[in-house]
Protein backbone atom coordinates (compact mmCIF):
# COMPACT_ATOMS: atom_id res chain seq x y z
CA UNK A 1 14.42 43.17 69.16
CA UNK A 2 15.69 39.31 69.60
CA UNK A 3 12.10 37.92 70.50
CA UNK A 4 10.97 39.29 67.44
CA UNK A 5 13.73 37.87 64.87
CA UNK A 6 13.35 34.74 66.40
CA UNK A 7 9.16 34.45 65.64
CA UNK A 8 9.71 35.61 62.37
CA UNK A 9 12.47 32.78 61.99
CA UNK A 10 10.15 30.78 63.25
CA UNK A 11 7.46 31.63 60.92
CA UNK A 12 10.14 31.20 57.81
CA UNK A 13 10.67 27.46 58.94
CA UNK A 14 7.37 27.05 59.58
CA UNK A 15 6.27 28.08 55.86
CA UNK A 16 9.15 25.93 54.70
CA UNK A 17 8.00 22.59 56.52
CA UNK A 18 4.29 23.11 55.37
CA UNK A 19 5.57 23.99 51.92
CA UNK A 20 7.80 20.90 51.88
CA UNK A 21 4.77 18.60 52.96
CA UNK A 22 2.30 20.25 50.83
CA UNK A 23 4.95 19.12 47.82
CA UNK A 24 5.40 15.72 49.58
CA UNK A 25 1.63 15.02 50.22
CA UNK A 26 1.27 15.54 46.18
CA UNK A 27 3.90 12.82 45.61
CA UNK A 28 2.74 10.47 48.27
CA UNK A 29 -0.83 11.28 46.73
CA UNK A 30 0.81 10.60 43.13
CA UNK A 31 2.75 7.18 44.59
CA UNK A 32 -0.52 5.76 45.91
CA UNK A 33 -2.25 6.32 42.21
CA UNK A 34 0.60 4.86 40.93
CA UNK A 35 1.28 1.74 43.23
CA UNK A 36 -2.37 0.57 42.68
CA UNK A 37 -2.42 0.58 39.24
CA UNK A 38 0.46 -1.44 39.50
CA UNK A 39 -1.56 -4.28 41.28
CA UNK A 40 -3.72 -4.52 38.59
CA UNK A 41 -2.03 -7.18 36.26
CA UNK A 42 -5.09 -7.83 34.39
CA UNK A 43 -4.83 -4.54 32.20
CA UNK A 44 -3.29 -1.13 31.81
CA UNK A 45 -4.85 1.08 34.36
CA UNK A 46 -3.96 4.44 32.42
CA UNK A 47 -6.28 6.55 34.86
CA UNK A 48 -4.64 5.88 37.67
CA UNK A 49 -1.14 6.39 36.06
CA UNK A 50 -3.35 9.67 34.75
CA UNK A 51 -4.25 10.75 38.56
CA UNK A 52 -0.19 9.45 39.30
CA UNK A 53 1.13 12.44 36.86
CA UNK A 54 -1.28 14.95 37.88
CA UNK A 55 -0.08 14.75 41.43
CA UNK A 56 3.54 14.50 40.18
CA UNK A 57 3.35 17.61 38.12
CA UNK A 58 1.64 19.49 41.09
CA UNK A 59 4.99 18.44 43.54
CA UNK A 60 7.34 19.40 40.43
CA UNK A 61 5.34 23.10 40.27
CA UNK A 62 6.88 23.86 43.84
CA UNK A 63 10.14 22.30 43.12
CA UNK A 64 10.79 21.24 39.39
CA UNK A 65 14.28 20.13 39.87
CA UNK A 66 13.79 17.25 42.07
CA UNK A 67 15.13 14.24 39.96
CA UNK A 68 13.10 11.75 41.94
CA UNK A 69 9.88 13.17 40.88
CA UNK A 70 11.13 14.05 37.27
CA UNK A 71 11.68 10.18 37.15
CA UNK A 72 8.13 9.64 38.58
CA UNK A 73 6.65 11.76 36.28
CA UNK A 74 8.28 10.74 33.40
CA UNK A 75 7.16 6.73 34.47
CA UNK A 76 3.88 7.75 34.80
CA UNK A 77 3.67 8.88 31.18
CA UNK A 78 5.63 5.76 29.84
CA UNK A 79 2.90 3.43 31.67
CA UNK A 80 0.30 5.53 29.81
CA UNK A 81 1.65 5.16 26.18
CA UNK A 82 2.83 8.53 26.26
CA UNK A 83 5.81 7.32 24.39
CA UNK A 84 6.97 10.78 22.72
CA UNK A 85 6.58 12.65 25.58
CA UNK A 86 8.24 9.82 28.10
CA UNK A 87 11.09 10.13 25.84
CA UNK A 88 12.03 13.64 25.95
CA UNK A 89 11.28 13.76 30.13
CA UNK A 90 13.93 11.13 30.26
CA UNK A 91 15.56 13.27 28.19
CA UNK A 92 15.66 16.23 29.99
CA UNK A 93 16.69 14.56 32.71
CA UNK A 94 19.85 12.71 31.50
CA UNK A 95 20.53 16.25 30.26
CA UNK A 96 20.22 17.88 33.91
CA UNK A 97 22.47 15.08 35.86
CA UNK A 98 25.89 14.54 36.58
CA UNK A 99 25.81 11.06 38.51
CA UNK A 100 26.16 8.56 35.92
CA UNK A 101 24.15 5.97 36.93
CA UNK A 102 21.08 8.39 37.10
CA UNK A 103 21.92 9.54 33.36
CA UNK A 104 22.20 5.83 32.34
CA UNK A 105 18.91 4.86 34.11
CA UNK A 106 17.48 7.97 32.51
CA UNK A 107 19.28 7.02 28.99
CA UNK A 108 18.07 3.25 29.29
CA UNK A 109 14.28 4.48 29.96
CA UNK A 110 14.28 6.97 27.09
CA UNK A 111 15.54 4.40 25.08
CA UNK A 112 12.33 2.32 26.33
CA UNK A 113 10.77 4.70 25.08
CA UNK A 114 11.62 5.58 21.43
CA UNK A 115 11.63 1.57 20.91
CA UNK A 116 7.75 1.42 22.20
CA UNK A 117 7.59 4.07 19.25
CA UNK A 118 9.13 2.06 17.14
CA UNK A 119 12.04 4.97 16.68
CA UNK A 120 14.78 1.81 16.74
CA UNK A 121 18.04 4.32 15.62
CA UNK A 122 17.05 6.44 18.34
CA UNK A 123 16.67 3.68 20.73
CA UNK A 124 20.02 2.18 19.72
CA UNK A 125 21.58 5.75 20.03
CA UNK A 126 20.52 5.71 23.98
CA UNK A 127 21.19 2.59 24.96
CA UNK A 128 24.37 3.00 23.59
CA UNK A 129 24.73 6.35 25.98
CA UNK A 130 23.44 4.82 28.56
CA UNK A 131 25.93 1.92 28.40
CA UNK A 132 28.51 4.99 28.44
CA UNK A 133 27.85 6.01 31.16
CA UNK A 134 27.46 2.19 33.10
CA UNK A 135 28.71 -0.39 30.99
CA UNK A 136 27.94 -3.03 32.91
CA UNK A 137 23.99 -2.72 32.65
CA UNK A 138 23.04 -5.98 31.49
CA UNK A 139 19.61 -4.89 31.08
CA UNK A 140 20.81 -2.27 28.74
CA UNK A 141 22.69 -4.52 27.12
CA UNK A 142 19.99 -6.94 26.28
CA UNK A 143 17.72 -3.96 25.29
CA UNK A 144 20.21 -3.13 22.93
CA UNK A 145 20.76 -6.09 21.56
CA UNK A 146 17.37 -6.40 21.13
CA UNK A 147 16.53 -3.24 19.47
CA UNK A 148 19.67 -4.12 17.17
CA UNK A 149 18.38 -7.72 16.16
CA UNK A 150 14.77 -6.23 15.77
CA UNK A 151 15.71 -3.26 12.94
CA UNK A 152 17.68 -6.41 11.00
CA UNK A 153 14.71 -8.20 10.90
CA UNK A 154 12.86 -5.02 9.70
CA UNK A 155 15.59 -4.34 7.15
CA UNK A 156 15.56 -7.87 5.71
CA UNK A 157 12.28 -7.38 5.63
CA UNK A 158 12.20 -4.41 3.70
CA UNK A 159 14.42 -5.88 1.19
CA UNK A 160 12.46 -8.98 0.80
CA UNK A 161 9.34 -6.30 -0.07
CA UNK A 162 11.69 -4.32 -2.05
CA UNK A 163 12.60 -7.74 -3.86
CA UNK A 164 8.93 -9.12 -4.38
CA UNK A 165 7.81 -5.34 -5.72
CA UNK A 166 10.43 -5.34 -8.44
CA UNK A 167 9.36 -8.70 -9.45
CA UNK A 168 5.67 -8.33 -9.69
CA UNK A 169 7.15 -5.27 -11.74
CA UNK A 170 8.89 -7.21 -13.91
CA UNK A 171 5.94 -9.44 -14.22
CA UNK A 172 3.90 -6.75 -15.02
CA UNK A 173 6.26 -5.87 -17.69
CA UNK A 174 5.94 -8.98 -19.16
CA UNK A 175 2.16 -9.40 -19.05
CA UNK A 176 2.52 -5.91 -20.66
CA UNK A 177 4.43 -7.09 -23.40
CA UNK A 178 2.70 -10.15 -23.92
CA UNK A 179 -0.69 -8.09 -23.88
CA UNK A 180 0.89 -5.74 -26.38
CA UNK A 181 1.72 -8.94 -28.54
CA UNK A 182 -1.35 -10.34 -28.29
CA UNK A 183 -3.26 -7.40 -29.49
CA UNK A 184 -0.70 -6.94 -31.99
CA UNK A 185 -1.92 -10.19 -33.34
CA UNK A 186 -5.46 -9.64 -32.65
CA UNK A 187 -5.05 -6.36 -34.60
CA UNK A 188 -3.04 -8.35 -37.65
CA UNK A 189 -5.76 -11.46 -37.48
CA UNK A 190 -8.38 -9.47 -37.40
CA UNK A 191 -6.89 -7.69 -40.43
CA UNK A 192 -6.63 -10.22 -42.14
CA UNK A 193 -10.13 -11.76 -41.61
CA UNK A 194 -11.26 -8.08 -42.87
CA UNK A 195 -9.14 -8.56 -46.04
CA UNK A 196 -10.78 -11.86 -46.28
CA UNK A 197 -14.11 -10.45 -45.94
CA UNK A 198 -13.44 -8.00 -48.03
CA UNK A 199 -12.50 -10.09 -50.81
CA UNK A 200 -15.40 -12.80 -49.99
CA UNK A 201 -18.12 -9.76 -50.52
CA UNK A 202 -16.03 -8.35 -53.72
CA UNK A 203 -16.04 -12.27 -55.60
CA UNK A 204 -19.79 -12.40 -53.87
CA UNK A 205 -20.81 -8.93 -55.89
CA UNK A 206 -18.80 -10.15 -58.44
CA UNK A 207 -20.74 -13.57 -59.05
CA UNK A 208 -23.85 -11.95 -59.97
CA UNK A 209 -22.64 -10.36 -62.42
CA UNK A 210 -21.10 -13.26 -64.34
CA UNK A 211 -23.80 -15.63 -63.43
CA UNK A 212 -25.87 -12.76 -65.58
CA UNK A 213 -23.32 -12.40 -68.83
CA UNK A 214 -23.49 -16.49 -69.09
CA UNK A 215 -27.36 -16.06 -69.06
CA UNK A 216 -27.38 -13.30 -71.63
CA UNK A 217 -24.89 -15.49 -73.71
CA UNK A 218 -26.56 -18.46 -73.63
CA UNK A 219 -30.35 -16.78 -74.21
CA UNK A 220 -28.43 -15.45 -77.34
CA UNK A 221 -27.07 -18.56 -78.48
CA UNK A 222 -30.22 -20.12 -78.04
CA UNK A 223 -31.79 -17.49 -79.57
CA UNK A 224 -29.39 -18.11 -82.21
CA UNK A 225 -29.85 -21.65 -82.42
CA UNK A 226 -33.72 -21.28 -83.08
CA UNK A 227 -33.27 -18.67 -85.60
CA UNK A 228 -30.99 -21.23 -87.43
CA UNK A 229 -33.76 -24.16 -86.89
CA UNK A 230 -36.28 -22.13 -88.41
CA UNK A 231 -34.47 -21.13 -91.54
CA UNK A 232 -33.59 -24.80 -92.10
CA UNK A 233 -37.63 -26.07 -91.49
CA UNK A 234 -38.30 -22.96 -93.78
CA UNK A 235 -35.36 -24.74 -96.26
CA UNK A 236 -36.64 -28.37 -95.97
CA UNK A 237 -40.58 -27.48 -96.42
CA UNK A 238 -39.46 -25.50 -100.10
CA UNK A 239 -37.31 -28.39 -101.09
CA UNK A 240 -40.46 -30.34 -100.02
CA UNK A 241 -42.40 -28.47 -102.24
CA UNK A 242 -40.82 -28.31 -104.87
CA UNK A 243 -40.88 -31.98 -105.20
CA UNK A 244 -44.17 -32.28 -104.45
CA UNK A 245 -44.48 -29.88 -107.50
CA UNK A 246 -42.38 -31.74 -109.26
CA UNK A 247 -43.96 -34.85 -109.00
CA UNK A 248 -47.50 -33.76 -109.74
CA UNK A 249 -45.91 -32.44 -112.97
CA UNK A 250 -44.40 -35.80 -113.78
CA UNK A 251 -48.33 -37.35 -113.45
CA UNK A 252 -49.91 -34.51 -115.20
CA UNK A 253 -48.01 -35.35 -118.52
């Protein structure tokens, strides 16, 4: 009985050792991929970091609460620019650990992920949480000041953009007013031109009529003069005839 018990106990120890070796194998392989990617300083080798992520996940399937391996996984996500995922992972680590230094590190890295994702308010809060757990962390203080200055610059830039927008809006309003004013002036000018043109057309229509009346009057006057002249000539002829007859009578006497 004792031998059987010892044999079973030996098998359990062997199985646990083999299991642990399998987990560490995944972690060691993940570390190799991670370190290989770090060596290439000319580019961000996301393919190697992705391989490391896969190996770390394999290890965490067997031992999901290992803080160190969770840190490794979160770092591999960060290196692949998976900022949202890495921030969530670092938050998970910070919430699970009671160690203030580890909690500070997790919040610090969470702040970095949020900062890279341009979530300035959230990153500032994360850096502040890191400093609450480790007030003397100079790197976290620097990152906090950097995030706050960046936020200030963005707010000033937005303010200037809003002012420029309002200025352009006012200019557009002035332009619209001037445009409307010019349009009204053009309308009035065009109206006056049309009015003048109508008057000119009316005058032009009346001028032939006046000319026609003047011609009729002239013809009537000429006709009257001709008639008067004819009558005068006839009278002259009668007078001359009478004189001639009078002379003739006198000679006959």
